[in-house]
Amino acid sequence: MEYRELGRTGWKVSAVSMGCWAIGGAWGSVDDRNSMAALRHAVELGVNFFDTADVYGDGKSERLLARLKKEVKDGIIIATKIGRRLDPHVPEGYNRENLTAFVERSLKNLETETLDLVQLHCPPTQVYYMPEVFEIMDDLVRQGKVRYWGVSVEKVEEAIKASEYPNVQTVQIVFNMFRQRPAQLFFKLAKEKKVGIIARVPLASGLLTGKFTHETQFPPDDHRNFNREGKAFDRGETFAGVDFETGLQAVEELRKICPQGMTMAQFALRWILMFEEVSCTIPGAKRPSQVEENVAAADLPPLSPEVMEKVQEIYEHYIKPQVHHRW
């Protein structure tokens, strides 16, 4: 496993880490025994960073990670996210009372006295122009409830604005073969300011695994069924905002250039790791076998310049017109 620096935290995190949305819910059926087995296997393979949120299964994902931490005791870092419990999800909700309550609920779920990393969970754009919100986060650090804080963003512009706040340690952003704009506009700034980049939705909700076809059906409780048009939350979180049929066409082109010895998922993850500014990427997994496939990508050889150029061409032709201007 390769380890990379996470902002100015002093932590070195596994380049391929683990996102824990899937073990909380909204990804079809999930079994807690399989989820725990996947988490344990991730630790065995060198994963030391786990990303969750208070809304994943209404705290279920956090509680599973609390179980893991009890077993492992030392060496793992758990990042959670707060803000999406607000209903309605409006800027005014990002106040001291609510943010403190969310943090205290996560402390309880994770059975800890201090949260390693707390990220604002894709707040409305206006929040990034409310310095008082970030002062509250600083206060939570001073109170000892939070060790470090960061943001999870939808748009590149939000990432740039968030980086103006001196104590932001990390920015979590959608970055994959189908969402390349962050590398063009944000990565250089993040490197200058020593802000860690957590690349989420690395497999475009599974689209980049190459396992889906035109006939693939998703269960009613799977966001890949109910959020394709952004009815529940930002459309960019589902298939990275790409129209499913267009995505399938692009995947077939990517399949032709996938290096020998790599699965499509590993190809997609290795592409992300070609960008040195990325601290880690957080693919999800519901079973140990998925963890194993994902983690192996960190030890694969670099992609050739020719392959990187081909990926860019496929993006420009199929994907860029749909997504580049939106996020």
Protein backbone atom coordinates (compact mmCIF):
# COMPACT_ATOMS: atom_id res chain seq x y z
CA MET A 1 0.00 0.00 0.00
CA GLU A 2 1.15 3.51 -0.80
CA TYR A 3 0.63 6.21 1.85
CA ARG A 4 0.27 9.92 1.15
CA GLU A 5 0.17 13.05 3.29
CA LEU A 6 -3.28 14.36 4.19
CA GLY A 7 -3.09 18.13 4.16
CA ARG A 8 -1.24 19.54 7.17
CA THR A 9 -2.61 16.95 9.61
CA GLY A 10 0.65 15.04 9.83
CA TRP A 11 -1.27 11.88 8.92
CA LYS A 12 -0.20 9.58 6.13
CA VAL A 13 -3.23 7.85 4.68
CA SER A 14 -3.61 4.86 2.40
CA ALA A 15 -3.76 6.03 -1.21
CA VAL A 16 -6.73 3.72 -1.74
CA SER A 17 -8.89 4.13 1.35
CA MET A 18 -12.54 3.21 1.87
CA GLY A 19 -15.79 5.11 1.56
CA CYS A 20 -18.56 3.85 3.83
CA TRP A 21 -21.73 5.15 2.22
CA ALA A 22 -22.57 1.75 0.76
CA ILE A 23 -22.49 -0.02 4.14
CA GLY A 24 -24.93 2.55 5.52
CA GLY A 25 -27.59 2.38 2.84
CA ALA A 26 -28.96 3.76 -0.46
CA TRP A 27 -26.99 1.16 -2.46
CA GLY A 28 -29.48 -1.68 -2.45
CA SER A 29 -29.33 -4.58 -0.01
CA VAL A 30 -26.47 -4.66 2.48
CA ASP A 31 -25.59 -7.20 5.15
CA ASP A 32 -23.84 -6.03 8.34
CA ARG A 33 -21.77 -9.23 8.56
CA ASN A 34 -20.42 -8.67 5.07
CA SER A 35 -19.86 -5.00 5.85
CA MET A 36 -17.81 -5.79 8.95
CA ALA A 37 -15.86 -8.43 7.03
CA ALA A 38 -15.11 -5.85 4.33
CA LEU A 39 -13.94 -3.30 6.93
CA ARG A 40 -11.70 -5.84 8.67
CA HIS A 41 -10.20 -7.00 5.38
CA ALA A 42 -9.48 -3.39 4.41
CA VAL A 43 -7.43 -2.97 7.59
CA GLU A 44 -5.61 -6.25 6.90
CA LEU A 45 -4.66 -4.91 3.46
CA GLY A 46 -3.27 -1.65 4.83
CA VAL A 47 -6.23 0.71 4.60
CA ASN A 48 -6.06 3.20 7.48
CA PHE A 49 -8.58 5.89 6.43
CA PHE A 50 -12.36 5.44 6.38
CA ASP A 51 -14.85 8.08 5.26
CA THR A 52 -18.44 8.11 6.49
CA ALA A 53 -21.26 10.57 7.29
CA ASP A 54 -23.92 10.94 9.94
CA VAL A 55 -26.67 10.41 7.36
CA TYR A 56 -25.35 7.11 5.97
CA GLY A 57 -27.99 4.76 7.27
CA ASP A 58 -28.96 7.41 9.83
CA GLY A 59 -25.71 6.78 11.70
CA LYS A 60 -25.46 3.06 10.95
CA SER A 61 -22.21 3.46 9.00
CA GLU A 62 -20.64 5.41 11.89
CA ARG A 63 -21.71 2.72 14.38
CA LEU A 64 -20.15 -0.04 12.26
CA LEU A 65 -16.90 1.91 12.19
CA ALA A 66 -17.06 2.27 15.98
CA ARG A 67 -17.10 -1.53 16.15
CA LEU A 68 -14.10 -1.70 13.86
CA LYS A 69 -12.15 0.81 15.93
CA LYS A 70 -12.79 -1.21 19.09
CA GLU A 71 -11.32 -4.28 17.40
CA VAL A 72 -8.33 -2.53 15.81
CA LYS A 73 -7.75 -0.03 18.65
CA ASP A 74 -4.98 2.01 16.97
CA GLY A 75 -3.88 3.06 13.53
CA ILE A 76 -7.11 3.95 11.76
CA ILE A 77 -8.49 7.39 11.00
CA ILE A 78 -12.24 7.94 10.67
CA ALA A 79 -13.56 10.97 8.81
CA THR A 80 -17.24 11.80 9.09
CA LYS A 81 -19.46 14.49 7.59
CA ILE A 82 -22.20 16.69 9.01
CA GLY A 83 -24.89 19.01 7.69
CA ARG A 84 -27.17 16.86 5.57
CA ARG A 85 -29.41 16.07 8.53
CA LEU A 86 -30.84 19.57 8.05
CA ASP A 87 -34.38 19.55 6.70
CA PRO A 88 -34.71 21.82 4.86
CA HIS A 89 -31.04 21.83 3.89
CA VAL A 90 -30.53 25.60 3.89
CA PRO A 91 -27.58 27.89 4.70
CA GLU A 92 -29.19 29.23 7.89
CA GLY A 93 -29.13 25.71 9.30
CA TYR A 94 -25.34 25.82 9.48
CA ASN A 95 -25.40 27.50 12.87
CA ARG A 96 -23.64 26.83 16.17
CA GLU A 97 -26.53 24.94 17.75
CA ASN A 98 -27.02 22.54 14.85
CA LEU A 99 -23.36 21.92 14.04
CA THR A 100 -22.57 21.25 17.70
CA ALA A 101 -25.52 18.84 17.96
CA PHE A 102 -24.41 16.99 14.83
CA VAL A 103 -20.85 16.66 16.14
CA GLU A 104 -22.07 15.38 19.49
CA ARG A 105 -24.29 12.81 17.79
CA SER A 106 -21.33 11.56 15.73
CA LEU A 107 -19.19 11.41 18.88
CA LYS A 108 -21.82 9.14 20.37
CA ASN A 109 -22.16 6.98 17.24
CA LEU A 110 -18.39 6.59 16.92
CA GLU A 111 -17.97 6.08 20.67
CA THR A 112 -15.09 8.53 20.95
CA GLU A 113 -14.23 11.75 22.74
CA THR A 114 -12.73 13.49 19.69
CA LEU A 115 -13.64 13.12 16.02
CA ASP A 116 -10.56 12.71 13.81
CA LEU A 117 -11.85 14.71 10.86
CA VAL A 118 -15.23 16.39 10.40
CA GLN A 119 -16.27 17.63 6.97
CA LEU A 120 -19.19 19.90 6.14
CA HIS A 121 -21.32 17.66 3.94
CA CYS A 122 -21.85 19.44 0.63
CA PRO A 123 -23.45 22.58 2.07
CA PRO A 124 -25.24 25.08 -0.16
CA THR A 125 -22.81 27.33 -2.04
CA GLN A 126 -23.79 30.33 0.08
CA VAL A 127 -22.29 28.68 3.18
CA TYR A 128 -18.79 29.08 1.75
CA TYR A 129 -19.34 32.84 1.94
CA MET A 130 -20.33 32.69 5.62
CA PRO A 131 -17.07 32.94 7.62
CA GLU A 132 -18.98 32.51 10.87
CA VAL A 133 -19.63 28.86 9.93
CA PHE A 134 -15.91 28.14 9.73
CA GLU A 135 -15.31 29.98 12.99
CA ILE A 136 -17.74 27.54 14.61
CA MET A 137 -15.66 24.66 13.23
CA ASP A 138 -12.53 26.27 14.71
CA ASP A 139 -14.33 26.52 18.05
CA LEU A 140 -15.22 22.82 17.96
CA VAL A 141 -11.51 22.08 17.51
CA ARG A 142 -10.63 24.32 20.45
CA GLN A 143 -13.23 22.52 22.56
CA GLY A 144 -11.54 19.20 21.81
CA LYS A 145 -14.56 17.69 20.09
CA VAL A 146 -12.92 17.75 16.66
CA ARG A 147 -9.26 17.22 15.76
CA TYR A 148 -9.37 18.65 12.23
CA TRP A 149 -12.07 19.85 9.84
CA GLY A 150 -12.58 19.99 6.11
CA VAL A 151 -15.32 20.27 3.51
CA SER A 152 -17.01 17.99 1.04
CA VAL A 153 -17.99 19.97 -2.05
CA GLU A 154 -20.06 19.57 -5.20
CA LYS A 155 -18.38 22.25 -7.31
CA VAL A 156 -14.80 23.18 -8.08
CA GLU A 157 -15.63 26.81 -7.27
CA GLU A 158 -16.69 25.75 -3.76
CA ALA A 159 -13.38 23.96 -3.27
CA ILE A 160 -11.48 27.08 -4.28
CA LYS A 161 -13.51 29.29 -1.93
CA ALA A 162 -13.20 26.85 0.98
CA SER A 163 -9.43 26.88 0.61
CA GLU A 164 -9.38 30.54 1.60
CA TYR A 165 -10.17 29.55 5.20
CA PRO A 166 -6.83 29.02 6.97
CA ASN A 167 -7.79 25.95 9.01
CA VAL A 168 -9.42 23.87 6.28
CA GLN A 169 -7.35 20.67 6.14
CA THR A 170 -9.12 18.69 3.45
CA VAL A 171 -11.43 19.05 0.49
CA GLN A 172 -13.43 16.05 -0.63
CA ILE A 173 -14.49 16.31 -4.25
CA VAL A 174 -15.86 14.12 -7.04
CA PHE A 175 -12.86 13.24 -9.21
CA ASN A 176 -12.62 10.39 -11.67
CA MET A 177 -12.19 9.64 -15.38
CA PHE A 178 -15.62 11.20 -15.95
CA ARG A 179 -15.09 14.28 -13.76
CA GLN A 180 -11.73 15.81 -14.66
CA ARG A 181 -12.31 19.52 -14.05
CA PRO A 182 -10.85 19.56 -10.50
CA ALA A 183 -7.40 18.67 -11.84
CA GLN A 184 -7.47 21.65 -14.18
CA LEU A 185 -8.73 24.30 -11.76
CA PHE A 186 -8.15 23.22 -8.17
CA PHE A 187 -5.27 20.80 -7.70
CA LYS A 188 -2.47 23.34 -8.08
CA LEU A 189 -4.08 25.63 -5.48
CA ALA A 190 -4.55 22.72 -3.07
CA LYS A 191 -0.89 21.81 -3.39
CA GLU A 192 0.19 25.40 -2.72
CA LYS A 193 -1.99 25.64 0.38
CA LYS A 194 -1.23 22.08 1.51
CA VAL A 195 -4.88 21.11 1.52
CA GLY A 196 -5.51 17.37 1.33
CA ILE A 197 -7.67 16.11 -1.55
CA ILE A 198 -10.02 13.19 -0.95
CA ALA A 199 -11.28 11.93 -4.32
CA ARG A 200 -14.80 10.55 -3.97
CA VAL A 201 -17.13 8.73 -6.41
CA PRO A 202 -13.97 7.30 -8.01
CA LEU A 203 -15.84 4.61 -9.92
CA ALA A 204 -18.75 6.85 -10.95
CA SER A 205 -21.20 4.82 -8.82
CA GLY A 206 -19.88 1.60 -10.32
CA LEU A 207 -20.21 2.70 -13.92
CA LEU A 208 -16.42 2.65 -14.36
CA THR A 209 -16.19 -0.96 -13.17
CA GLY A 210 -17.43 -2.01 -16.60
CA LYS A 211 -19.93 -4.40 -15.02
CA PHE A 212 -23.12 -2.62 -16.11
CA THR A 213 -25.06 -3.07 -19.35
CA HIS A 214 -28.11 -1.47 -20.94
CA GLU A 215 -30.19 -4.13 -19.17
CA THR A 216 -28.83 -3.48 -15.67
CA GLN A 217 -31.61 -2.76 -13.16
CA PHE A 218 -31.11 -1.17 -9.74
CA PRO A 219 -33.34 -1.74 -6.69
CA PRO A 220 -35.84 0.98 -5.72
CA ASP A 221 -33.80 1.92 -2.63
CA ASP A 222 -30.58 2.34 -4.65
CA HIS A 223 -29.70 5.94 -5.52
CA ARG A 224 -28.62 4.73 -8.97
CA ASN A 225 -32.33 4.14 -9.53
CA PHE A 226 -33.97 7.12 -7.80
CA ASN A 227 -31.40 9.92 -8.15
CA ARG A 228 -30.36 9.83 -11.80
CA GLU A 229 -31.97 13.22 -12.37
CA GLY A 230 -30.97 14.62 -8.98
CA LYS A 231 -34.38 14.22 -7.32
CA ALA A 232 -32.98 13.30 -3.87
CA PHE A 233 -29.60 15.09 -3.84
CA ASP A 234 -27.06 16.51 -6.27
CA ARG A 235 -27.14 14.62 -9.56
CA GLY A 236 -23.35 14.65 -9.67
CA GLU A 237 -23.24 12.06 -6.87
CA THR A 238 -24.94 9.45 -9.08
CA PHE A 239 -22.87 8.13 -12.02
CA ALA A 240 -20.80 11.35 -11.53
CA GLY A 241 -23.65 13.22 -13.23
CA VAL A 242 -23.20 11.35 -16.52
CA ASP A 243 -26.20 10.05 -18.44
CA PHE A 244 -26.17 6.26 -17.96
CA GLU A 245 -26.32 5.35 -21.65
CA THR A 246 -23.57 7.82 -22.57
CA GLY A 247 -21.47 6.46 -19.72
CA LEU A 248 -21.81 2.93 -21.03
CA GLN A 249 -20.54 4.05 -24.45
CA ALA A 250 -17.52 5.75 -22.90
CA VAL A 251 -16.78 2.70 -20.75
CA GLU A 252 -16.64 0.50 -23.84
CA GLU A 253 -13.98 2.82 -25.28
CA LEU A 254 -12.05 2.76 -22.01
CA ARG A 255 -12.23 -1.04 -22.00
CA LYS A 256 -10.20 -1.07 -25.23
CA ILE A 257 -7.28 0.73 -23.59
CA CYS A 258 -7.40 -0.91 -20.14
CA PRO A 259 -3.85 -2.19 -19.49
CA GLN A 260 -3.35 -5.93 -19.32
CA GLY A 261 -3.52 -7.28 -15.79
CA MET A 262 -5.90 -4.59 -14.52
CA THR A 263 -9.63 -4.81 -14.02
CA MET A 264 -11.65 -1.82 -15.17
CA ALA A 265 -12.13 -0.72 -11.56
CA GLN A 266 -8.40 -0.87 -10.92
CA PHE A 267 -7.75 1.08 -14.12
CA ALA A 268 -10.11 3.82 -12.93
CA LEU A 269 -8.52 3.96 -9.47
CA ARG A 270 -4.95 3.88 -10.81
CA TRP A 271 -5.83 6.81 -13.09
CA ILE A 272 -6.81 8.89 -10.05
CA LEU A 273 -3.57 8.02 -8.27
CA MET A 274 -1.57 9.36 -11.22
CA PHE A 275 -2.33 12.81 -9.77
CA GLU A 276 0.14 13.45 -6.95
CA GLU A 277 -2.09 16.13 -5.42
CA VAL A 278 -4.67 13.49 -4.48
CA SER A 279 -4.17 12.34 -0.89
CA CYS A 280 -6.45 9.34 -1.23
CA THR A 281 -9.44 8.01 -3.07
CA ILE A 282 -12.37 6.37 -1.28
CA PRO A 283 -14.12 3.65 -3.29
CA GLY A 284 -16.94 1.93 -1.46
CA ALA A 285 -17.26 -1.80 -0.88
CA LYS A 286 -19.90 -4.09 0.59
CA ARG A 287 -17.85 -7.31 0.46
CA PRO A 288 -14.21 -8.31 1.16
CA SER A 289 -13.68 -9.26 -2.49
CA GLN A 290 -14.52 -5.72 -3.59
CA VAL A 291 -12.08 -4.30 -1.04
CA GLU A 292 -9.34 -6.59 -2.34
CA GLU A 293 -9.86 -5.54 -5.93
CA ASN A 294 -9.88 -1.85 -5.03
CA VAL A 295 -6.85 -1.90 -2.76
CA ALA A 296 -4.72 -3.77 -5.30
CA ALA A 297 -4.87 -0.69 -7.55
CA ALA A 298 -2.43 1.13 -5.24
CA ASP A 299 0.33 -1.35 -6.08
CA LEU A 300 -0.14 -1.40 -9.84
CA PRO A 301 2.42 0.24 -12.16
CA PRO A 302 1.82 3.81 -13.38
CA LEU A 303 -0.24 4.31 -16.51
CA SER A 304 1.67 5.25 -19.64
CA PRO A 305 1.45 8.77 -21.12
CA GLU A 306 -0.27 7.22 -24.14
CA VAL A 307 -3.01 5.66 -22.01
CA MET A 308 -3.46 8.90 -20.05
CA GLU A 309 -3.86 10.76 -23.34
CA LYS A 310 -6.43 8.26 -24.61
CA VAL A 311 -8.48 8.61 -21.42
CA GLN A 312 -8.46 12.36 -21.96
CA GLU A 313 -9.67 11.96 -25.54
CA ILE A 314 -12.54 9.70 -24.47
CA TYR A 315 -13.52 12.22 -21.81
CA GLU A 316 -13.43 15.10 -24.28
CA HIS A 317 -15.55 13.26 -26.82
CA TYR A 318 -18.20 11.54 -24.69
CA ILE A 319 -18.33 13.13 -21.26
CA LYS A 320 -17.10 16.71 -21.20
CA PRO A 321 -20.12 18.26 -22.97
CA GLN A 322 -22.42 16.83 -20.27
CA VAL A 323 -20.54 17.51 -17.05
CA HIS A 324 -17.59 19.84 -17.38
CA HIS A 325 -19.50 23.12 -17.13
CA ARG A 326 -21.83 21.94 -14.32
CA TRP A 327 -19.44 21.07 -11.51
